[in-house]
Amino acid sequence: MTTSSPAHDRHTARSASNPRPALTLAWGVNPEETDQNQVQVTTTRELTDILATIHAQALRRGVAQQIDIWEGLLPDPTINGAPGDPAELDDFLPEPFLQAVIGHPERAGLRWLGRDQQVQAIHPALPLLAEPVLYDNGGATDPMPPELLPLTYTDVEHILTVFLLHRTRADDVTWTDLSEIL
């Protein structure tokens, strides 16, 4: 997905003075493999391009898409004491681990999941949708409650751009404890 050298891209998240690992985005199910689609991005251009592609595909399908986002690569479950059972992998997920839902014409969502704090980004001025939204959750289609979709696509793109560039939560976004929503 890299289209230019990160050291020369003015939109880069990495440089010689900032050697951060790429962000990994994983979504859906790759029909040619047994795992999710996965791509790594290092620049804002790469990030916005892949988000736009996923968003457009989900809009065409009529089912929103969940995307898991983290820094670097997941641990190999066969080495370093990581569990072999995928259900136990949660204890080995990078922190923070982000989950975004895009692909609905009006709403999106983003969770910031850490071991000590799990928060949801919200746009307080947006009214809630009247009913749940169907979304692709790693190949399964599930309903997502309207309270978990309190953003727009543009909000999610902004939050992920801030995370790519600074590895922090966007401070111009309202965050609420996920336990208060669920």
N, C-alpha and C. Protein backbone atom coordinates (compact mmCIF):
# COMPACT_ATOMS: atom_id res chain seq x y z
N MET A 1 0.81 -1.19 0.00
CA MET A 1 0.00 0.00 0.00
C MET A 1 0.86 1.25 0.00
N THR A 2 2.13 1.14 0.34
CA THR A 2 2.98 2.31 0.36
C THR A 2 3.19 2.80 -1.06
N THR A 3 2.92 4.09 -1.28
CA THR A 3 3.06 4.66 -2.60
C THR A 3 4.26 5.57 -2.71
N SER A 4 4.82 5.98 -1.59
CA SER A 4 6.01 6.82 -1.61
C SER A 4 6.87 6.48 -0.41
N SER A 5 8.09 6.92 -0.45
CA SER A 5 9.00 6.66 0.66
C SER A 5 8.55 7.43 1.89
N PRO A 6 8.31 6.74 3.03
CA PRO A 6 7.87 7.44 4.22
C PRO A 6 8.80 8.56 4.65
N ALA A 7 10.09 8.44 4.39
CA ALA A 7 11.03 9.48 4.80
C ALA A 7 10.84 10.77 4.01
N HIS A 8 10.19 10.69 2.84
CA HIS A 8 10.02 11.86 2.00
C HIS A 8 8.57 12.33 1.88
N ASP A 9 7.65 11.64 2.48
CA ASP A 9 6.23 11.99 2.38
C ASP A 9 5.88 13.01 3.45
N ARG A 10 5.36 14.17 3.05
CA ARG A 10 5.04 15.20 4.05
C ARG A 10 3.89 14.78 4.95
N HIS A 11 3.16 13.74 4.59
CA HIS A 11 2.04 13.24 5.39
C HIS A 11 2.44 11.99 6.17
N THR A 12 3.70 11.79 6.41
CA THR A 12 4.16 10.54 7.00
C THR A 12 4.02 10.51 8.52
N ALA A 13 3.85 9.31 9.03
CA ALA A 13 3.85 9.10 10.47
C ALA A 13 5.22 8.60 10.91
N ARG A 14 6.09 8.29 9.97
CA ARG A 14 7.41 7.75 10.30
C ARG A 14 8.48 8.57 9.60
N SER A 15 9.59 8.69 10.24
CA SER A 15 10.77 9.32 9.66
C SER A 15 11.97 8.81 10.43
N ALA A 16 13.15 9.26 10.06
CA ALA A 16 14.35 8.83 10.77
C ALA A 16 14.29 9.24 12.23
N SER A 17 13.65 10.37 12.53
CA SER A 17 13.56 10.82 13.92
C SER A 17 12.32 10.28 14.62
N ASN A 18 11.45 9.62 13.89
CA ASN A 18 10.20 9.11 14.45
C ASN A 18 9.93 7.71 13.88
N PRO A 19 10.68 6.70 14.32
CA PRO A 19 10.59 5.37 13.73
C PRO A 19 9.43 4.53 14.29
N ARG A 20 8.24 5.06 14.25
CA ARG A 20 7.08 4.32 14.77
C ARG A 20 6.70 3.20 13.81
N PRO A 21 6.23 2.09 14.37
CA PRO A 21 5.75 1.02 13.50
C PRO A 21 4.47 1.46 12.79
N ALA A 22 4.20 0.79 11.71
CA ALA A 22 2.98 1.06 10.95
C ALA A 22 1.76 0.72 11.80
N LEU A 23 0.62 1.29 11.43
CA LEU A 23 -0.65 0.86 12.00
C LEU A 23 -1.18 -0.28 11.15
N THR A 24 -1.73 -1.28 11.81
CA THR A 24 -2.36 -2.39 11.11
C THR A 24 -3.86 -2.20 11.19
N LEU A 25 -4.54 -2.35 10.06
CA LEU A 25 -6.00 -2.33 9.99
C LEU A 25 -6.44 -3.71 9.52
N ALA A 26 -7.40 -4.31 10.22
CA ALA A 26 -7.90 -5.64 9.87
C ALA A 26 -9.42 -5.59 9.85
N TRP A 27 -10.03 -6.22 8.84
CA TRP A 27 -11.48 -6.18 8.72
C TRP A 27 -11.99 -7.36 7.91
N GLY A 28 -13.27 -7.68 8.10
CA GLY A 28 -13.93 -8.70 7.30
C GLY A 28 -13.21 -10.03 7.31
N VAL A 29 -13.39 -10.78 6.22
CA VAL A 29 -12.72 -12.06 6.05
C VAL A 29 -12.16 -12.09 4.63
N ASN A 30 -10.89 -12.44 4.53
CA ASN A 30 -10.27 -12.56 3.23
C ASN A 30 -10.62 -13.93 2.67
N PRO A 31 -11.36 -14.00 1.55
CA PRO A 31 -11.79 -15.31 1.02
C PRO A 31 -10.63 -16.18 0.55
N GLU A 32 -9.47 -15.60 0.30
CA GLU A 32 -8.31 -16.38 -0.15
C GLU A 32 -7.49 -16.91 1.02
N GLU A 33 -7.80 -16.47 2.22
CA GLU A 33 -7.07 -16.91 3.41
C GLU A 33 -8.08 -17.28 4.48
N THR A 34 -7.59 -17.70 5.61
CA THR A 34 -8.49 -18.04 6.72
C THR A 34 -8.58 -16.92 7.74
N ASP A 35 -8.01 -15.77 7.42
CA ASP A 35 -7.96 -14.67 8.37
C ASP A 35 -8.62 -13.44 7.77
N GLN A 36 -8.59 -12.35 8.52
CA GLN A 36 -9.16 -11.09 8.06
C GLN A 36 -8.30 -10.46 6.97
N ASN A 37 -8.92 -9.54 6.22
CA ASN A 37 -8.15 -8.66 5.35
C ASN A 37 -7.27 -7.83 6.27
N GLN A 38 -6.05 -7.56 5.85
CA GLN A 38 -5.15 -6.79 6.69
C GLN A 38 -4.26 -5.92 5.83
N VAL A 39 -4.03 -4.71 6.29
CA VAL A 39 -3.11 -3.80 5.61
C VAL A 39 -2.40 -2.97 6.66
N GLN A 40 -1.16 -2.60 6.36
CA GLN A 40 -0.43 -1.71 7.24
C GLN A 40 -0.27 -0.36 6.55
N VAL A 41 -0.43 0.70 7.33
CA VAL A 41 -0.31 2.06 6.80
C VAL A 41 0.69 2.85 7.63
N THR A 42 1.41 3.73 6.95
CA THR A 42 2.37 4.59 7.64
C THR A 42 2.11 6.06 7.37
N THR A 43 1.28 6.37 6.36
CA THR A 43 1.04 7.76 5.99
C THR A 43 -0.45 8.08 6.07
N THR A 44 -0.74 9.35 6.21
CA THR A 44 -2.16 9.76 6.24
C THR A 44 -2.83 9.46 4.91
N ARG A 45 -2.10 9.58 3.82
CA ARG A 45 -2.67 9.26 2.49
C ARG A 45 -3.09 7.80 2.44
N GLU A 46 -2.21 6.90 2.90
CA GLU A 46 -2.54 5.47 2.92
C GLU A 46 -3.77 5.22 3.80
N LEU A 47 -3.78 5.86 4.98
CA LEU A 47 -4.90 5.68 5.90
C LEU A 47 -6.21 6.15 5.27
N THR A 48 -6.23 7.36 4.74
CA THR A 48 -7.48 7.88 4.18
C THR A 48 -7.92 7.07 2.96
N ASP A 49 -6.96 6.60 2.16
CA ASP A 49 -7.32 5.79 0.99
C ASP A 49 -7.96 4.47 1.39
N ILE A 50 -7.36 3.76 2.36
CA ILE A 50 -7.93 2.46 2.74
C ILE A 50 -9.26 2.64 3.46
N LEU A 51 -9.39 3.67 4.29
CA LEU A 51 -10.68 3.92 4.94
C LEU A 51 -11.75 4.23 3.90
N ALA A 52 -11.42 5.04 2.90
CA ALA A 52 -12.40 5.37 1.85
C ALA A 52 -12.81 4.12 1.08
N THR A 53 -11.86 3.24 0.81
CA THR A 53 -12.17 2.00 0.10
C THR A 53 -13.09 1.10 0.92
N ILE A 54 -12.76 0.89 2.19
CA ILE A 54 -13.59 0.05 3.07
C ILE A 54 -14.98 0.66 3.22
N HIS A 55 -15.04 1.97 3.41
CA HIS A 55 -16.31 2.68 3.57
C HIS A 55 -17.18 2.50 2.33
N ALA A 56 -16.61 2.70 1.15
CA ALA A 56 -17.36 2.57 -0.10
C ALA A 56 -17.85 1.15 -0.31
N GLN A 57 -17.01 0.16 -0.02
CA GLN A 57 -17.42 -1.24 -0.17
C GLN A 57 -18.58 -1.57 0.76
N ALA A 58 -18.50 -1.09 2.01
CA ALA A 58 -19.57 -1.36 2.98
C ALA A 58 -20.86 -0.67 2.56
N LEU A 59 -20.77 0.55 2.07
CA LEU A 59 -21.97 1.25 1.58
C LEU A 59 -22.63 0.47 0.45
N ARG A 60 -21.83 -0.05 -0.48
CA ARG A 60 -22.39 -0.85 -1.59
C ARG A 60 -23.06 -2.11 -1.09
N ARG A 61 -22.48 -2.77 -0.09
CA ARG A 61 -23.04 -4.00 0.48
C ARG A 61 -24.26 -3.73 1.36
N GLY A 62 -24.35 -2.50 1.89
CA GLY A 62 -25.45 -2.19 2.80
C GLY A 62 -25.24 -2.73 4.20
N VAL A 63 -24.01 -3.06 4.53
CA VAL A 63 -23.65 -3.57 5.87
C VAL A 63 -22.39 -2.83 6.31
N ALA A 64 -22.47 -2.12 7.44
CA ALA A 64 -21.30 -1.40 7.95
C ALA A 64 -20.16 -2.39 8.23
N GLN A 65 -18.95 -1.89 8.35
CA GLN A 65 -17.78 -2.75 8.52
C GLN A 65 -17.01 -2.38 9.77
N GLN A 66 -16.76 -3.37 10.63
CA GLN A 66 -15.88 -3.15 11.78
C GLN A 66 -14.44 -3.31 11.33
N ILE A 67 -13.58 -2.41 11.82
CA ILE A 67 -12.15 -2.46 11.53
C ILE A 67 -11.42 -2.47 12.87
N ASP A 68 -10.50 -3.39 13.03
CA ASP A 68 -9.63 -3.42 14.20
C ASP A 68 -8.34 -2.71 13.82
N ILE A 69 -7.83 -1.87 14.72
CA ILE A 69 -6.64 -1.06 14.44
C ILE A 69 -5.67 -1.16 15.61
N TRP A 70 -4.40 -1.38 15.30
CA TRP A 70 -3.38 -1.41 16.34
C TRP A 70 -2.04 -1.03 15.73
N GLU A 71 -1.10 -0.73 16.62
CA GLU A 71 0.25 -0.39 16.19
C GLU A 71 1.06 -1.67 16.04
N GLY A 72 1.78 -1.78 14.92
CA GLY A 72 2.65 -2.92 14.70
C GLY A 72 1.89 -4.17 14.30
N LEU A 73 2.43 -5.31 14.70
CA LEU A 73 1.84 -6.61 14.36
C LEU A 73 1.34 -7.29 15.62
N LEU A 74 0.35 -8.15 15.47
CA LEU A 74 -0.11 -8.96 16.61
C LEU A 74 0.96 -10.00 16.93
N PRO A 75 1.03 -10.42 18.19
CA PRO A 75 2.00 -11.46 18.51
C PRO A 75 1.64 -12.76 17.81
N ASP A 76 2.67 -13.51 17.43
CA ASP A 76 2.46 -14.82 16.82
C ASP A 76 2.00 -15.76 17.93
N PRO A 77 0.81 -16.36 17.79
CA PRO A 77 0.30 -17.21 18.86
C PRO A 77 1.10 -18.48 19.08
N THR A 78 2.08 -18.75 18.23
CA THR A 78 2.85 -19.99 18.39
C THR A 78 4.18 -19.76 19.11
N ILE A 79 4.49 -18.48 19.43
CA ILE A 79 5.77 -18.21 20.10
C ILE A 79 5.58 -17.25 21.27
N ASN A 80 6.60 -17.10 22.06
CA ASN A 80 6.64 -16.13 23.16
C ASN A 80 5.51 -16.31 24.18
N GLY A 81 5.02 -17.50 24.35
CA GLY A 81 4.01 -17.74 25.38
C GLY A 81 2.62 -17.25 25.02
N ALA A 82 2.42 -16.77 23.81
CA ALA A 82 1.07 -16.35 23.40
C ALA A 82 0.19 -17.58 23.28
N PRO A 83 -1.09 -17.43 23.57
CA PRO A 83 -1.96 -18.60 23.56
C PRO A 83 -2.18 -19.13 22.15
N GLY A 84 -2.41 -20.44 22.06
CA GLY A 84 -2.76 -21.04 20.77
C GLY A 84 -4.23 -20.87 20.46
N ASP A 85 -5.05 -20.69 21.49
CA ASP A 85 -6.48 -20.52 21.32
C ASP A 85 -6.79 -19.05 21.05
N PRO A 86 -7.38 -18.73 19.87
CA PRO A 86 -7.67 -17.33 19.56
C PRO A 86 -8.55 -16.64 20.59
N ALA A 87 -9.37 -17.39 21.32
CA ALA A 87 -10.23 -16.79 22.34
C ALA A 87 -9.41 -16.20 23.48
N GLU A 88 -8.20 -16.71 23.69
CA GLU A 88 -7.34 -16.22 24.76
C GLU A 88 -6.42 -15.09 24.29
N LEU A 89 -6.47 -14.74 23.00
CA LEU A 89 -5.55 -13.75 22.45
C LEU A 89 -5.79 -12.35 23.01
N ASP A 90 -7.00 -12.05 23.55
CA ASP A 90 -7.29 -10.72 24.08
C ASP A 90 -6.24 -10.24 25.08
N ASP A 91 -5.69 -11.16 25.86
CA ASP A 91 -4.67 -10.78 26.85
C ASP A 91 -3.37 -10.35 26.19
N PHE A 92 -3.20 -10.65 24.90
CA PHE A 92 -1.95 -10.34 24.20
C PHE A 92 -2.14 -9.25 23.15
N LEU A 93 -3.33 -8.63 23.10
CA LEU A 93 -3.56 -7.58 22.12
C LEU A 93 -2.73 -6.35 22.45
N PRO A 94 -2.26 -5.66 21.43
CA PRO A 94 -1.52 -4.42 21.68
C PRO A 94 -2.41 -3.41 22.39
N GLU A 95 -1.78 -2.51 23.10
CA GLU A 95 -2.55 -1.46 23.78
C GLU A 95 -2.06 -0.11 23.30
N PRO A 96 -2.93 0.74 22.84
CA PRO A 96 -4.37 0.53 22.76
C PRO A 96 -4.75 -0.30 21.53
N PHE A 97 -5.94 -0.85 21.60
CA PHE A 97 -6.53 -1.61 20.50
C PHE A 97 -7.80 -0.84 20.14
N LEU A 98 -7.89 -0.38 18.91
CA LEU A 98 -9.04 0.43 18.49
C LEU A 98 -9.97 -0.38 17.62
N GLN A 99 -11.26 -0.10 17.73
CA GLN A 99 -12.25 -0.70 16.85
C GLN A 99 -13.12 0.42 16.29
N ALA A 100 -13.18 0.47 14.97
CA ALA A 100 -14.01 1.47 14.29
C ALA A 100 -15.08 0.74 13.50
N VAL A 101 -16.21 1.39 13.32
CA VAL A 101 -17.27 0.88 12.45
C VAL A 101 -17.60 2.00 11.48
N ILE A 102 -17.41 1.72 10.18
CA ILE A 102 -17.73 2.68 9.13
C ILE A 102 -18.56 1.97 8.08
N GLY A 103 -19.10 2.74 7.13
CA GLY A 103 -19.84 2.13 6.04
C GLY A 103 -21.34 2.32 6.13
N HIS A 104 -21.80 3.08 7.11
CA HIS A 104 -23.21 3.48 7.18
C HIS A 104 -23.28 4.89 6.61
N PRO A 105 -24.35 5.23 5.89
CA PRO A 105 -24.40 6.56 5.28
C PRO A 105 -24.41 7.73 6.26
N GLU A 106 -24.86 7.50 7.49
CA GLU A 106 -25.00 8.61 8.44
C GLU A 106 -24.15 8.48 9.70
N ARG A 107 -23.78 7.29 10.08
CA ARG A 107 -23.13 7.10 11.37
C ARG A 107 -21.91 6.21 11.29
N ALA A 108 -21.08 6.34 12.33
CA ALA A 108 -19.88 5.53 12.50
C ALA A 108 -19.61 5.43 14.00
N GLY A 109 -18.66 4.62 14.36
CA GLY A 109 -18.30 4.49 15.77
C GLY A 109 -16.83 4.19 15.94
N LEU A 110 -16.31 4.48 17.13
CA LEU A 110 -14.92 4.18 17.43
C LEU A 110 -14.75 3.95 18.93
N ARG A 111 -14.15 2.81 19.24
CA ARG A 111 -13.82 2.46 20.63
C ARG A 111 -12.31 2.44 20.77
N TRP A 112 -11.86 2.93 21.92
CA TRP A 112 -10.43 2.92 22.28
C TRP A 112 -10.32 1.97 23.46
N LEU A 113 -9.74 0.79 23.23
CA LEU A 113 -9.73 -0.26 24.24
C LEU A 113 -8.33 -0.44 24.82
N GLY A 114 -8.25 -0.27 26.12
CA GLY A 114 -7.01 -0.51 26.85
C GLY A 114 -7.30 -1.41 28.03
N ARG A 115 -6.28 -1.93 28.64
CA ARG A 115 -6.49 -2.82 29.79
C ARG A 115 -7.14 -2.08 30.96
N ASP A 116 -6.77 -0.81 31.16
CA ASP A 116 -7.27 -0.05 32.30
C ASP A 116 -8.41 0.89 31.96
N GLN A 117 -8.58 1.20 30.68
CA GLN A 117 -9.62 2.14 30.30
C GLN A 117 -10.16 1.79 28.92
N GLN A 118 -11.48 1.72 28.84
CA GLN A 118 -12.15 1.46 27.56
C GLN A 118 -13.15 2.58 27.34
N VAL A 119 -12.91 3.35 26.27
CA VAL A 119 -13.74 4.52 26.03
C VAL A 119 -14.30 4.51 24.61
N GLN A 120 -15.38 5.24 24.46
CA GLN A 120 -16.07 5.41 23.19
C GLN A 120 -16.01 6.88 22.81
N ALA A 121 -15.66 7.16 21.56
CA ALA A 121 -15.70 8.54 21.06
C ALA A 121 -17.15 8.87 20.74
N ILE A 122 -17.58 10.07 21.11
CA ILE A 122 -18.96 10.47 20.81
C ILE A 122 -18.99 11.88 20.25
N HIS A 123 -20.01 12.11 19.47
CA HIS A 123 -20.30 13.44 18.93
C HIS A 123 -21.65 13.82 19.56
N PRO A 124 -21.63 14.54 20.70
CA PRO A 124 -22.84 14.77 21.48
C PRO A 124 -23.99 15.42 20.72
N ALA A 125 -23.71 16.20 19.69
CA ALA A 125 -24.78 16.90 18.96
C ALA A 125 -25.55 16.01 18.00
N LEU A 126 -25.02 14.82 17.69
CA LEU A 126 -25.71 13.92 16.76
C LEU A 126 -26.84 13.18 17.46
N PRO A 127 -28.04 13.20 16.90
CA PRO A 127 -29.11 12.39 17.48
C PRO A 127 -28.86 10.91 17.21
N LEU A 128 -29.32 10.07 18.12
CA LEU A 128 -29.17 8.63 17.93
C LEU A 128 -30.04 8.16 16.77
N LEU A 129 -29.57 7.12 16.09
CA LEU A 129 -30.39 6.48 15.06
C LEU A 129 -31.56 5.78 15.75
N ALA A 130 -32.62 5.54 15.01
CA ALA A 130 -33.83 4.93 15.58
C ALA A 130 -33.70 3.43 15.80
N GLU A 131 -32.79 2.78 15.09
CA GLU A 131 -32.68 1.32 15.22
C GLU A 131 -31.24 0.88 15.06
N PRO A 132 -30.95 -0.37 15.43
CA PRO A 132 -29.58 -0.89 15.28
C PRO A 132 -29.15 -0.91 13.81
N VAL A 133 -27.85 -0.96 13.61
CA VAL A 133 -27.26 -1.02 12.27
C VAL A 133 -26.58 -2.37 12.12
N LEU A 134 -26.79 -3.02 10.99
CA LEU A 134 -26.09 -4.28 10.72
C LEU A 134 -24.65 -3.97 10.34
N TYR A 135 -23.73 -4.74 10.93
CA TYR A 135 -22.32 -4.55 10.62
C TYR A 135 -21.62 -5.89 10.50
N ASP A 136 -20.56 -5.91 9.71
CA ASP A 136 -19.74 -7.09 9.51
C ASP A 136 -18.71 -7.14 10.63
N ASN A 137 -18.83 -8.15 11.46
CA ASN A 137 -17.98 -8.33 12.62
C ASN A 137 -17.06 -9.53 12.34
N GLY A 138 -16.05 -9.34 11.51
CA GLY A 138 -15.13 -10.43 11.19
C GLY A 138 -15.76 -11.54 10.39
N GLY A 139 -16.69 -11.21 9.53
CA GLY A 139 -17.35 -12.20 8.68
C GLY A 139 -18.76 -12.54 9.12
N ALA A 140 -19.12 -12.23 10.35
CA ALA A 140 -20.49 -12.44 10.84
C ALA A 140 -21.23 -11.11 10.79
N THR A 141 -22.50 -11.15 10.39
CA THR A 141 -23.30 -9.93 10.36
C THR A 141 -24.10 -9.86 11.65
N ASP A 142 -23.85 -8.80 12.42
CA ASP A 142 -24.49 -8.61 13.72
C ASP A 142 -25.14 -7.24 13.78
N PRO A 143 -26.15 -7.06 14.66
CA PRO A 143 -26.72 -5.72 14.86
C PRO A 143 -25.88 -4.94 15.87
N MET A 144 -25.65 -3.66 15.59
CA MET A 144 -24.94 -2.80 16.52
C MET A 144 -25.92 -1.77 17.06
N PRO A 145 -26.01 -1.64 18.39
CA PRO A 145 -26.93 -0.66 18.98
C PRO A 145 -26.58 0.77 18.54
N PRO A 146 -27.59 1.61 18.36
CA PRO A 146 -27.36 2.99 17.93
C PRO A 146 -26.42 3.77 18.85
N GLU A 147 -26.41 3.44 20.16
CA GLU A 147 -25.54 4.17 21.09
C GLU A 147 -24.07 3.97 20.79
N LEU A 148 -23.72 2.90 20.05
CA LEU A 148 -22.33 2.65 19.73
C LEU A 148 -21.92 3.26 18.38
N LEU A 149 -22.84 4.03 17.79
CA LEU A 149 -22.56 4.70 16.51
C LEU A 149 -22.84 6.19 16.63
N PRO A 150 -22.15 6.87 17.56
CA PRO A 150 -22.43 8.29 17.79
C PRO A 150 -21.50 9.25 17.05
N LEU A 151 -20.93 8.80 15.92
CA LEU A 151 -19.99 9.61 15.16
C LEU A 151 -20.38 9.63 13.69
N THR A 152 -19.64 10.42 12.92
CA THR A 152 -19.73 10.37 11.47
C THR A 152 -18.45 9.73 10.93
N TYR A 153 -18.47 9.36 9.68
CA TYR A 153 -17.28 8.82 9.02
C TYR A 153 -16.12 9.80 9.15
N THR A 154 -16.38 11.07 8.95
CA THR A 154 -15.33 12.10 9.04
C THR A 154 -14.73 12.14 10.44
N ASP A 155 -15.55 11.97 11.48
CA ASP A 155 -15.04 11.93 12.86
C ASP A 155 -14.05 10.77 13.02
N VAL A 156 -14.43 9.59 12.53
CA VAL A 156 -13.56 8.42 12.66
C VAL A 156 -12.25 8.63 11.90
N GLU A 157 -12.34 9.16 10.70
CA GLU A 157 -11.14 9.43 9.92
C GLU A 157 -10.20 10.39 10.67
N HIS A 158 -10.76 11.42 11.28
CA HIS A 158 -9.97 12.38 12.06
C HIS A 158 -9.29 11.70 13.26
N ILE A 159 -10.06 10.92 14.02
CA ILE A 159 -9.51 10.26 15.21
C ILE A 159 -8.38 9.31 14.83
N LEU A 160 -8.57 8.56 13.75
CA LEU A 160 -7.53 7.62 13.33
C LEU A 160 -6.30 8.34 12.77
N THR A 161 -6.49 9.48 12.14
CA THR A 161 -5.36 10.27 11.66
C THR A 161 -4.54 10.78 12.84
N VAL A 162 -5.20 11.27 13.88
CA VAL A 162 -4.49 11.71 15.08
C VAL A 162 -3.72 10.54 15.70
N PHE A 163 -4.36 9.38 15.76
CA PHE A 163 -3.68 8.20 16.32
C PHE A 163 -2.47 7.82 15.47
N LEU A 164 -2.61 7.83 14.16
CA LEU A 164 -1.49 7.50 13.27
C LEU A 164 -0.32 8.45 13.49
N LEU A 165 -0.60 9.73 13.57
CA LEU A 165 0.46 10.73 13.66
C LEU A 165 1.06 10.89 15.05
N HIS A 166 0.23 10.73 16.09
CA HIS A 166 0.69 11.05 17.45
C HIS A 166 0.58 9.90 18.45
N ARG A 167 -0.11 8.83 18.09
CA ARG A 167 -0.34 7.66 18.96
C ARG A 167 -1.04 8.06 20.26
N THR A 168 -1.91 9.04 20.15
CA THR A 168 -2.72 9.50 21.28
C THR A 168 -4.17 9.61 20.84
N ARG A 169 -5.05 9.76 21.81
CA ARG A 169 -6.46 10.04 21.49
C ARG A 169 -6.58 11.49 21.08
N ALA A 170 -7.47 11.74 20.15
CA ALA A 170 -7.74 13.12 19.73
C ALA A 170 -8.32 13.88 20.91
N ASP A 171 -7.73 15.03 21.25
CA ASP A 171 -8.20 15.78 22.41
C ASP A 171 -9.34 16.74 22.06
N ASP A 172 -9.70 16.82 20.79
CA ASP A 172 -10.82 17.67 20.40
C ASP A 172 -12.09 16.85 20.17
N VAL A 173 -12.10 15.64 20.73
CA VAL A 173 -13.23 14.71 20.62
C VAL A 173 -13.71 14.39 22.03
N THR A 174 -15.01 14.21 22.20
CA THR A 174 -15.56 13.83 23.50
C THR A 174 -15.43 12.31 23.65
N TRP A 175 -14.92 11.89 24.79
CA TRP A 175 -14.75 10.47 25.09
C TRP A 175 -15.57 10.13 26.33
N THR A 176 -16.21 8.99 26.31
CA THR A 176 -16.97 8.54 27.47
C THR A 176 -16.63 7.09 27.78
N ASP A 177 -16.68 6.74 29.05
CA ASP A 177 -16.38 5.37 29.47
C ASP A 177 -17.37 4.43 28.81
N LEU A 178 -16.85 3.38 28.22
CA LEU A 178 -17.70 2.43 27.49
C LEU A 178 -18.72 1.76 28.40
N SER A 179 -18.37 1.60 29.66
CA SER A 179 -19.32 0.96 30.61
C SER A 179 -20.56 1.81 30.83
N GLU A 180 -20.46 3.12 30.59
CA GLU A 180 -21.63 4.00 30.74
C GLU A 180 -22.60 3.86 29.57
N ILE A 181 -22.11 3.32 28.45
CA ILE A 181 -22.94 3.18 27.26
C ILE A 181 -23.57 1.80 27.19
N LEU A 182 -22.78 0.79 27.52
CA LEU A 182 -23.26 -0.60 27.39
C LEU A 182 -24.18 -1.01 28.50
